[in-house]
Protein backbone atom coordinates (compact mmCIF):
# COMPACT_ATOMS: atom_id res chain seq x y z
CA MET A 1 -1.59 -107.23 -194.05
CA GLU A 2 1.60 -108.48 -193.04
CA THR A 3 2.74 -111.28 -194.79
CA ILE A 4 4.57 -114.48 -192.85
CA ILE A 5 7.32 -116.55 -194.75
CA GLN A 6 7.54 -120.16 -193.01
CA CYS A 7 10.71 -121.98 -194.46
CA ARG A 8 10.11 -125.88 -194.77
CA LYS A 9 13.70 -126.57 -194.19
CA CYS A 10 14.52 -124.71 -190.78
CA GLY A 11 10.62 -123.83 -189.77
CA GLU A 12 11.65 -120.09 -189.13
CA ASP A 13 9.41 -117.36 -189.64
CA THR A 14 10.50 -113.99 -191.35
CA ASN A 15 8.22 -111.50 -192.51
CA ARG A 16 8.24 -110.43 -195.98
CA ALA A 17 10.66 -107.09 -195.71
CA ASP A 18 13.48 -109.80 -194.62
CA TRP A 19 12.92 -112.06 -196.92
CA GLU A 20 13.25 -109.94 -199.98
CA ALA A 21 16.21 -108.04 -198.27
CA SER A 22 17.91 -111.67 -198.24
CA HIS A 23 17.57 -111.84 -202.04
CA ALA A 24 14.56 -114.59 -201.36
CA SER A 25 16.08 -117.03 -198.97
CA CYS A 26 15.64 -118.12 -195.69
CA ILE A 27 17.96 -115.60 -193.37
CA HIS A 28 18.11 -118.41 -190.84
CA CYS A 29 19.06 -121.80 -193.20
CA GLY A 30 19.61 -120.10 -196.70
CA GLU A 31 17.20 -121.91 -198.24
CA THR A 32 16.35 -121.01 -201.69
CA THR A 33 12.35 -120.09 -202.52
CA GLY A 34 11.18 -123.10 -203.40
CA GLY A 35 11.63 -124.19 -199.96
CA VAL A 36 9.35 -121.66 -198.21
CA ILE A 37 5.44 -121.21 -197.71
CA ARG A 38 3.85 -118.21 -197.88
CA ARG A 39 0.56 -117.30 -195.89
CA GLY A 40 -1.59 -114.35 -194.47
CA LEU A 41 -2.05 -113.68 -191.13
CA GLY A 42 -5.80 -113.64 -191.62
CA SER A 43 -5.43 -117.09 -193.03
CA LEU A 44 -3.68 -118.22 -189.84
CA ALA A 45 -6.62 -116.90 -187.44
CA ALA A 46 -9.32 -118.48 -190.09
CA LEU A 47 -6.94 -122.09 -189.63
CA ARG A 48 -6.67 -121.53 -185.57
CA THR A 49 -10.46 -120.76 -185.76
CA ARG A 50 -11.58 -124.03 -187.85
CA LEU A 51 -9.15 -126.35 -185.61
CA GLU A 52 -10.27 -124.65 -182.36
CA LEU A 53 -14.37 -125.77 -183.52
CA GLU A 54 -12.98 -129.41 -184.90
CA LEU A 55 -11.60 -129.98 -181.27
CA VAL A 56 -14.77 -128.69 -179.29
CA TRP A 57 -17.10 -130.60 -181.25
CA ARG A 58 -14.62 -133.85 -181.47
CA PRO A 59 -16.75 -136.53 -180.02
CA VAL A 60 -15.51 -138.37 -176.98
CA SER A 61 -15.41 -141.68 -176.48
CA THR A 62 -16.33 -143.65 -173.20
CA HIS A 63 -14.96 -146.27 -171.53
CA ALA A 64 -17.77 -148.56 -170.40
């Protein structure tokens, strides 16, 4: 499974190989390791599924 790393400063996604090649900093803005979030693609898919279910089952208010 590929790990995607998202920079908190610029919001760009980078794969782990590029992140390690840039010596643990964002290749777009240069943010250091403290400013990135690591996430696996499996966890992102699970989060998307949960959010989609929440949106489907959200109660709809009526304007009566």
